[in-house]
Protein backbone atom coordinates (compact mmCIF):
# COMPACT_ATOMS: atom_id res chain seq x y z
CA MET A 1 102.70 85.01 103.24
CA LYS A 2 101.11 88.54 103.83
CA GLU A 3 97.36 87.58 102.96
CA LEU A 4 98.78 83.32 104.31
CA VAL A 5 98.75 85.38 107.71
CA SER A 6 96.06 87.45 107.71
CA PHE A 7 93.72 84.37 106.51
CA ILE A 8 94.87 82.24 109.04
CA ALA A 9 94.16 85.39 112.16
CA SER A 10 91.52 86.35 110.70
CA ARG A 11 89.65 83.07 111.26
CA LEU A 12 91.57 83.06 115.21
CA VAL A 13 90.40 85.94 116.54
CA ASP A 14 86.63 87.68 117.30
CA VAL A 15 87.69 90.39 116.21
CA PRO A 16 88.83 90.41 113.18
CA ALA A 17 88.92 93.74 111.48
CA ALA A 18 91.17 94.59 114.53
CA VAL A 19 94.03 92.56 112.57
CA GLU A 20 96.60 93.99 110.82
CA ILE A 21 99.08 92.96 109.30
CA ALA A 22 102.70 94.63 107.52
CA GLU A 23 105.31 92.62 105.93
CA ARG A 24 108.71 94.08 105.22
CA GLU A 25 111.60 92.15 102.98
CA GLU A 26 115.09 92.89 103.15
CA ASP A 27 118.04 90.65 101.44
CA GLY A 28 116.08 87.79 101.05
CA MET A 29 114.15 87.86 104.57
CA VAL A 30 110.93 88.66 105.01
CA THR A 31 109.66 89.85 107.96
CA VAL A 32 105.73 89.77 109.03
CA GLU A 33 104.66 92.17 111.85
CA LEU A 34 101.03 90.79 113.04
CA LYS A 35 99.11 92.94 115.20
CA VAL A 36 95.84 91.63 116.82
CA ALA A 37 93.50 93.71 119.19
CA LYS A 38 94.66 92.87 123.17
CA GLU A 39 91.83 90.75 123.56
CA ASP A 40 92.43 88.10 120.93
CA LEU A 41 96.44 88.58 121.28
CA GLY A 42 95.71 85.26 123.62
CA LYS A 43 94.21 83.63 120.80
CA ILE A 44 97.32 84.04 118.15
CA ILE A 45 100.02 82.84 120.87
CA GLY A 46 98.10 79.53 121.87
CA LYS A 47 99.08 77.35 125.04
CA GLN A 48 102.66 77.57 125.48
CA GLY A 49 102.54 79.26 121.70
CA ARG A 50 101.85 76.44 120.05
CA THR A 51 99.26 78.35 117.92
CA ALA A 52 102.41 81.16 116.97
CA ARG A 53 104.66 78.09 116.86
CA SER A 54 102.61 76.58 113.94
CA LEU A 55 102.02 79.48 112.21
CA ARG A 56 106.32 80.43 111.73
CA THR A 57 106.05 76.78 110.90
CA VAL A 58 103.73 77.02 107.55
CA LEU A 59 105.19 80.28 106.86
CA THR A 60 109.07 79.00 107.12
CA ALA A 61 106.98 76.23 104.64
CA VAL A 62 105.84 78.67 102.14
CA ALA A 63 108.83 80.96 102.22
CA GLU A 64 111.71 77.97 101.65
CA LYS A 65 109.33 76.97 97.86
CA GLN A 66 109.96 80.64 97.36
CA GLU A 67 113.67 80.14 98.74
CA LYS A 68 113.55 82.75 101.62
CA HIS A 69 113.91 83.39 104.71
CA CYS A 70 110.86 84.23 107.10
CA LEU A 71 110.09 85.69 110.60
CA LEU A 72 106.46 86.22 112.24
CA GLU A 73 106.48 88.31 115.25
CA ILE A 74 103.24 89.14 117.12
CA ILE A 75 102.69 92.81 118.11
CA GLU A 76 101.54 93.55 121.46
């Protein structure tokens, strides 16, 4: 999941080197924390949160195939 978020996020932002991703797993729940440069935060969230919601949808689909639950946290 970490690789998937990294792949997508690095292509959405202007400063791909600033993309940081941390992944934690507890009791079948995978939490992916995404941190980007301050000027790229709007690109990750998108208008009315559409891009962030789409990222979460893709992660949920991948997690369900692995019989896990996934949560994406975007860190400011």
